[in-house]
Protein backbone atom coordinates (compact mmCIF):
# COMPACT_ATOMS: atom_id res chain seq x y z
CA MET A 1 136.61 25.94 52.85
CA PHE A 2 138.57 22.64 51.08
CA LEU A 3 136.92 20.37 49.59
CA TYR A 4 136.72 16.71 52.10
CA ARG A 5 135.51 13.04 50.33
CA ALA A 6 134.62 11.24 53.33
CA ALA A 7 135.91 7.61 53.14
CA THR A 8 135.13 5.02 55.65
CA ILE A 9 138.60 2.71 56.64
CA SER A 10 137.00 -0.19 54.83
CA LEU A 11 136.55 2.30 51.15
CA VAL A 12 140.21 3.68 51.75
CA SER A 13 141.46 -0.06 51.83
CA MET A 14 139.80 -0.98 49.14
CA VAL A 15 141.12 1.84 46.48
CA GLY A 16 144.56 0.55 48.01
CA LEU A 17 144.15 -2.92 47.03
CA LEU A 18 142.43 -1.76 43.33
CA LEU A 19 145.45 0.22 42.93
CA TRP A 20 148.03 -1.78 44.14
CA THR A 21 146.99 -4.49 41.63
CA GLN A 22 147.03 -2.32 39.13
CA VAL A 23 150.46 -0.89 38.98
CA SER A 24 151.74 0.01 35.65
CA ALA A 25 154.29 -3.73 33.77
CA GLU A 26 156.20 -0.32 31.74
CA HIS A 27 157.91 1.13 35.49
CA VAL A 28 161.32 -0.62 35.89
CA HIS A 29 162.24 -1.48 39.04
CA PRO A 30 165.90 -0.64 40.58
CA THR A 31 167.93 -3.19 41.23
CA LEU A 32 168.44 -4.27 44.81
CA ASP A 33 172.19 -2.72 46.35
CA PRO A 34 174.00 -6.07 46.56
CA ASP A 35 175.74 -5.43 49.78
CA LEU A 36 173.41 -5.19 51.64
CA PRO A 37 173.09 -6.72 55.03
CA VAL A 38 171.23 -9.46 55.65
CA TYR A 39 168.86 -10.19 58.42
CA SER A 40 168.98 -12.71 61.22
CA TYR A 41 169.10 -14.10 65.25
CA PRO A 42 171.13 -15.80 66.87
CA ASP A 43 169.30 -19.77 67.70
CA ASP A 44 170.28 -19.04 71.60
CA HIS A 45 168.83 -16.13 71.87
CA GLU A 46 164.68 -16.42 73.62
CA PRO A 47 162.08 -16.59 70.88
CA LEU A 48 161.65 -13.11 71.05
CA SER A 49 157.85 -11.08 71.71
CA GLY A 50 157.15 -7.91 72.72
CA LYS A 51 154.62 -4.97 71.23
CA LEU A 52 154.62 -2.63 68.74
CA VAL A 53 152.71 -0.02 68.15
CA ILE A 54 153.13 2.11 65.57
CA SER A 55 151.61 5.65 64.31
CA GLY A 56 151.87 7.84 61.69
CA SER A 57 152.07 8.18 57.98
CA ASN A 58 149.31 7.28 55.67
CA THR A 59 151.86 6.87 52.68
CA MET A 60 153.23 4.57 54.66
CA HIS A 61 151.04 2.87 56.05
CA PRO A 62 151.10 -0.09 53.44
CA LEU A 63 154.98 -0.28 53.83
CA VAL A 64 154.80 -0.28 57.49
CA GLN A 65 152.72 -2.80 57.64
CA SER A 66 154.52 -5.20 55.26
CA LEU A 67 157.48 -5.04 57.31
CA VAL A 68 155.99 -5.68 60.53
CA ASP A 69 154.29 -8.41 59.12
CA GLY A 70 157.93 -9.46 57.17
CA LEU A 71 159.54 -9.09 60.96
CA ARG A 72 156.38 -11.46 63.21
CA GLU A 73 156.81 -14.24 60.31
CA ARG A 74 160.24 -14.58 61.46
CA HIS A 75 158.73 -13.73 65.36
CA PRO A 76 154.90 -15.26 65.36
CA HIS A 77 154.96 -13.67 69.58
CA ILE A 78 155.18 -10.27 69.28
CA ARG A 79 152.28 -8.46 68.87
CA ALA A 80 151.14 -4.83 66.32
CA MET A 81 149.36 -2.48 66.94
CA ILE A 82 149.24 0.22 63.00
CA SER A 83 147.67 3.00 62.52
CA GLY A 84 147.94 5.72 59.51
CA GLU A 85 146.05 8.85 59.59
CA GLY A 86 149.25 10.45 59.14
CA SER A 87 152.83 12.26 59.90
CA LYS A 88 150.97 14.71 61.73
CA THR A 89 148.73 12.52 65.00
CA GLY A 90 151.89 9.83 64.41
CA LEU A 91 153.83 12.26 66.13
CA GLU A 92 150.75 13.22 68.05
CA ALA A 93 150.60 9.63 68.87
CA VAL A 94 154.53 9.58 70.79
CA LEU A 95 153.74 12.85 72.42
CA GLU A 96 150.58 11.55 74.36
CA HIS A 97 153.14 8.15 74.85
CA ARG A 98 150.22 6.29 72.78
CA SER A 99 153.03 5.64 70.58
CA GLU A 100 156.89 4.34 70.89
CA VAL A 101 157.50 4.69 67.51
CA ALA A 102 156.32 7.39 64.78
CA ALA A 103 156.32 6.60 60.51
CA ILE A 104 157.01 10.17 59.28
CA SER A 105 157.28 10.84 55.45
CA HIS A 106 159.23 14.03 55.91
CA ARG A 107 162.16 15.18 58.03
CA MET A 108 160.65 16.45 61.51
CA THR A 109 161.16 20.79 61.31
CA ALA A 110 162.28 22.60 64.20
CA SER A 111 158.83 23.07 65.72
CA GLU A 112 158.23 19.68 65.59
CA LEU A 113 161.17 18.40 67.56
CA ALA A 114 161.00 21.24 69.79
CA GLU A 115 157.90 19.95 70.94
CA PHE A 116 159.15 16.45 71.73
CA ILE A 117 162.50 18.20 73.41
CA LYS A 118 159.75 19.75 75.59
CA GLU A 119 157.81 16.65 76.32
CA TYR A 120 160.68 13.64 76.52
CA GLY A 121 163.51 15.86 77.29
CA TYR A 122 165.16 14.53 74.93
CA GLU A 123 165.68 13.89 70.86
CA PRO A 124 163.78 11.16 68.56
CA THR A 125 166.68 8.98 67.31
CA GLU A 126 165.66 9.26 63.41
CA ILE A 127 166.03 6.77 61.54
CA PRO A 128 165.58 6.72 57.67
CA ILE A 129 164.03 3.86 56.01
CA ALA A 130 164.02 4.03 51.93
CA VAL A 131 163.49 6.84 49.38
CA ASP A 132 160.88 8.31 47.71
CA ALA A 133 159.78 10.52 44.68
CA LEU A 134 156.87 12.91 45.97
CA ALA A 135 155.59 13.18 41.80
CA VAL A 136 152.61 15.12 40.63
CA PHE A 137 149.97 12.66 38.84
CA VAL A 138 147.62 13.34 36.45
CA HIS A 139 145.50 11.04 33.77
CA LYS A 140 147.85 9.30 30.90
CA SER A 141 146.50 11.23 28.83
CA ASN A 142 147.15 14.32 29.41
CA PRO A 143 150.13 15.64 27.11
CA ILE A 144 152.01 17.74 29.35
CA THR A 145 155.65 17.04 28.68
CA GLY A 146 156.99 18.65 32.53
CA LEU A 147 155.96 21.45 34.73
CA ALA A 148 158.36 23.79 36.46
CA LEU A 149 158.80 24.69 40.82
CA ASP A 150 156.72 27.87 39.82
CA GLU A 151 154.20 26.70 37.76
CA LEU A 152 153.03 24.14 40.40
CA ASP A 153 153.30 27.21 42.68
CA ALA A 154 150.63 29.44 40.26
CA ILE A 155 148.35 25.75 40.14
CA PHE A 156 148.38 24.37 44.01
CA CYS A 157 149.12 26.85 46.09
CA HIS A 158 146.94 29.56 47.16
CA GLU A 159 149.82 32.82 47.69
CA ARG A 160 152.01 31.86 45.09
CA ARG A 161 154.91 32.63 46.75
CA ARG A 162 157.50 31.42 43.50
CA GLY A 163 156.15 35.01 41.93
CA ILE A 164 153.85 34.20 39.35
CA PRO A 165 151.72 36.78 40.27
CA ASP A 166 147.76 34.91 38.91
CA PRO A 167 146.96 31.45 40.00
CA ILE A 168 147.00 29.02 36.74
CA ASP A 169 143.52 26.74 37.10
CA LEU A 170 142.99 25.95 33.11
CA TRP A 171 145.56 24.06 31.14
CA GLY A 172 145.99 26.06 28.20
CA MET A 173 147.83 28.22 30.40
CA VAL A 174 150.85 25.72 30.78
CA GLY A 175 151.07 25.59 26.94
CA LEU A 176 148.37 22.63 26.37
CA GLU A 177 146.52 23.05 23.28
CA GLY A 178 142.56 22.29 21.63
CA GLU A 179 140.76 20.74 23.93
CA TRP A 180 143.50 21.46 26.53
CA PHE A 181 143.26 24.02 26.75
CA SER A 182 140.19 25.91 28.00
CA ALA A 183 139.93 22.96 29.78
CA PRO A 184 139.69 23.83 33.86
CA ILE A 185 142.62 22.30 35.68
CA HIS A 186 140.87 20.11 38.95
CA LEU A 187 143.63 19.26 42.20
CA TYR A 188 143.54 16.41 44.40
CA GLY A 189 145.60 16.18 47.91
CA ARG A 190 145.73 15.60 51.65
CA ASN A 191 145.19 17.59 54.53
CA GLU A 192 146.98 18.24 56.56
CA GLN A 193 147.64 15.77 59.07
CA SER A 194 150.03 14.51 56.02
CA GLY A 195 153.15 14.60 55.82
CA THR A 196 152.91 14.57 52.09
CA THR A 197 151.34 17.34 52.69
CA ALA A 198 153.60 18.99 54.53
CA PHE A 199 156.34 18.22 52.84
CA PHE A 200 153.87 19.62 49.27
CA ARG A 201 153.29 22.66 50.87
CA GLU A 202 157.34 23.92 52.11
CA GLU A 203 159.26 22.68 49.03
CA ILE A 204 155.99 23.75 46.22
CA CYS A 205 154.26 26.82 48.62
CA LYS A 206 157.43 27.96 50.77
CA GLY A 207 155.15 26.68 53.86
CA GLY A 208 152.62 29.02 51.93
CA PRO A 209 148.22 27.57 52.59
CA LEU A 210 147.24 25.06 49.20
CA SER A 211 144.54 27.00 47.33
CA PRO A 212 141.23 26.49 48.88
CA ARG A 213 140.18 25.02 45.42
CA LEU A 214 141.85 21.34 46.05
CA THR A 215 140.18 18.60 46.69
CA ILE A 216 141.23 16.38 49.82
CA GLU A 217 141.04 12.80 49.97
CA PRO A 218 141.30 10.85 52.86
CA GLY A 219 144.54 8.65 51.58
CA SER A 220 147.61 8.63 48.88
CA ALA A 221 146.12 6.21 47.04
CA SER A 222 141.99 7.30 47.23
CA VAL A 223 144.62 10.76 45.05
CA ILE A 224 145.37 9.00 42.45
CA LEU A 225 142.38 6.89 41.60
CA GLU A 226 140.65 10.27 41.25
CA LEU A 227 142.61 10.75 38.79
CA GLU A 228 141.29 7.81 36.98
CA SER A 229 137.67 9.16 36.19
CA ASP A 230 139.70 12.73 36.26
CA ARG A 231 141.16 13.78 32.94
CA PHE A 232 141.75 16.74 33.48
CA GLY A 233 143.13 15.81 37.45
CA ILE A 234 146.19 16.66 38.63
CA GLY A 235 147.39 15.50 42.44
CA PHE A 236 150.43 14.49 44.64
CA SER A 237 151.49 11.69 46.05
CA SER A 238 154.85 8.87 46.74
CA ILE A 239 155.89 7.82 43.80
CA GLY A 240 154.78 4.64 45.65
CA TYR A 241 151.38 4.63 44.33
CA ARG A 242 151.85 5.06 40.55
CA ALA A 243 149.08 2.63 38.67
CA SER A 244 148.98 2.23 34.51
CA TYR A 245 146.49 5.06 33.85
CA VAL A 246 148.21 7.54 35.71
CA LYS A 247 151.44 8.48 34.51
CA PRO A 248 153.69 11.40 37.16
CA VAL A 249 155.02 14.93 35.29
CA PRO A 250 158.79 15.81 34.79
CA ILE A 251 159.68 18.54 37.31
CA ALA A 252 162.39 21.76 36.11
CA SER A 253 163.37 23.46 39.60
CA VAL A 254 163.07 27.01 37.14
CA LYS A 255 161.36 27.41 34.03
CA GLY A 256 163.12 26.29 31.04
CA GLY A 257 165.35 24.21 32.94
CA ARG A 258 165.56 20.53 32.48
CA TYR A 259 162.70 18.72 33.16
CA VAL A 260 163.51 15.54 35.55
CA GLU A 261 160.88 12.03 36.00
CA PRO A 262 161.18 11.35 39.01
CA THR A 263 162.80 7.72 38.65
CA PHE A 264 165.04 5.98 40.85
CA GLU A 265 168.37 7.34 39.50
CA SER A 266 167.25 11.01 39.59
CA THR A 267 165.75 10.83 43.67
CA LEU A 268 169.29 8.70 44.74
CA ASP A 269 171.57 11.21 42.87
CA GLY A 270 169.92 14.95 43.78
CA SER A 271 168.59 16.27 40.73
CA TYR A 272 164.73 14.60 40.84
CA PRO A 273 163.80 18.13 43.38
CA LEU A 274 160.80 16.72 44.82
CA ARG A 275 163.42 14.08 46.99
CA ARG A 276 162.84 12.70 50.24
CA TYR A 277 163.41 10.23 53.13
CA LEU A 278 161.09 7.98 55.05
CA TYR A 279 161.77 8.23 58.91
CA LEU A 280 160.36 5.85 61.72
CA TYR A 281 160.83 8.27 64.57
CA VAL A 282 161.29 6.06 68.48
CA ALA A 283 161.22 7.84 71.29
CA LYS A 284 164.40 6.72 73.02
CA PRO A 285 166.12 7.98 75.88
CA PRO A 286 169.84 8.25 76.14
CA LYS A 287 170.50 5.77 78.73
CA SER A 288 167.69 3.21 78.09
CA PRO A 289 167.32 1.01 75.22
CA PRO A 290 163.74 0.19 73.49
CA SER A 291 161.91 -2.35 73.87
CA PRO A 292 163.97 -5.41 71.80
CA ALA A 293 160.76 -5.52 69.60
CA VAL A 294 161.97 -1.97 68.32
CA ILE A 295 165.51 -2.89 68.56
CA GLU A 296 164.69 -6.38 65.37
CA LEU A 297 162.12 -4.00 63.44
CA ILE A 298 164.78 -1.81 62.89
CA ARG A 299 167.04 -4.09 61.82
CA PHE A 300 164.90 -5.48 60.04
CA ALA A 301 163.61 -2.61 57.72
CA LEU A 302 167.39 -2.25 56.85
CA SER A 303 168.00 -5.75 56.43
CA ARG A 304 168.67 -7.05 52.49
CA GLN A 305 164.89 -8.33 53.23
CA GLY A 306 163.36 -5.40 54.56
CA GLN A 307 164.33 -3.38 51.22
CA LYS A 308 163.35 -5.85 49.56
CA LEU A 309 159.77 -5.05 50.82
CA VAL A 310 160.75 -1.46 50.09
CA LEU A 311 161.51 -2.46 46.43
CA ALA A 312 158.47 -4.51 45.47
CA LEU A 313 156.12 -1.70 47.06
CA GLY A 314 157.59 1.14 44.48
CA TYR A 315 159.54 2.57 46.94
CA TYR A 316 163.54 3.37 46.03
CA PRO A 317 165.81 1.03 48.72
CA LEU A 318 168.95 2.60 50.29
CA PRO A 319 171.66 2.33 48.99
CA SER A 320 173.95 0.10 51.13
CA GLN A 321 176.02 2.22 52.45
CA GLU A 322 174.19 4.08 53.86
CA VAL A 323 171.94 1.72 55.60
CA SER A 324 175.64 0.58 57.28
CA ARG A 325 176.06 4.07 58.91
CA ILE A 326 172.10 4.87 60.11
CA LEU A 327 172.90 0.94 61.01
CA ALA A 328 176.07 1.98 63.12
CA ARG A 329 174.35 4.95 64.67
CA TRP A 330 171.72 2.55 66.04
CA SER A 331 174.18 0.23 67.28
CA LYS A 332 175.46 2.67 68.58
CA SER A 333 172.95 3.83 70.74
CA VAL A 334 171.64 0.80 72.20
CA SER A 335 174.83 -0.68 72.69
CA ALA A 336 175.69 2.53 75.21
CA ALA A 337 171.59 2.29 76.21
CA GLN A 338 172.21 -1.79 76.88
CA SER A 339 175.62 -2.01 78.68
CA ARG A 340 173.25 0.49 81.53
CA SER A 341 170.02 -1.92 81.39
CA PRO A 342 172.36 -4.91 81.54
CA GLU A 343 168.50 -7.02 82.93
CA GLN A 344 166.89 -6.19 79.54
CA LYS A 345 168.61 -9.08 76.86
CA PRO A 346 169.21 -7.32 73.82
CA GLY A 347 167.68 -8.49 70.63
CA SER A 348 170.96 -8.41 68.39
């Protein structure tokens, strides 16, 4: 059985607050692309109102909350309900018509898309809003210089589908010496509702199950917080949760290959193996526009102001060329739907 650390919502919130105040000053943020579009709203439009209901990723919850808060500063009449229990629960909320938008920290799988199409009769609208590196963290005192994907598989995964025959459960088995040689490796991660876990299992375990030795934490922040007090621990979480008392482990795609740190440059150019996008998925029928509040949320998230929030929270912003392509597809889809629904006043 997996181990599980119960926690109340208030504790999770406190953990997140503690984490954000301890982000390492040594972590250099990338520069925001100067060509990103500036968000604006026409003065001659009626004040925007309506309701936003967004469910999904715990990893993305601070980002989604900040984006909605930024939008509501400009449109105070918008009401918002945001939950961040996990990517899977976000998709379930959309499938049950309790939410119009799901925040998901991995690209929807073929089975998830099939489930959505079965329910709605069309595909969801996919909007990447940030780039993320899924990092493997250890305590800052850990002398490990890097791990290969097959070693991570033997550390974290139950079936070891990458070929190492036996589990790696001591730090000496990955080359550490002295007091670390016989020290046990303690594993920390997220539950099966987590998009981060789904991504990690797919990329590291090749779809197989995680080790039963894994201690399941209630949120991405709490994974990092556990490593503060456990020198022998290792856990996976978004690079956005990096803190001064942990360090990300450089990763090589193959044993003996080049170890790559999860920097902005290595994440964007694809040399870091665990690169992913963070998505908003919108349940938008092809012939109907989304609500004005959702339209403006997407525009704001992909604006210079929105991507500045992405950067401020430790994630990686999208390049302006990519934003232009995403906005072009989104605007075309919205405009086509609005032309069939002249009674709805657009917010863009």
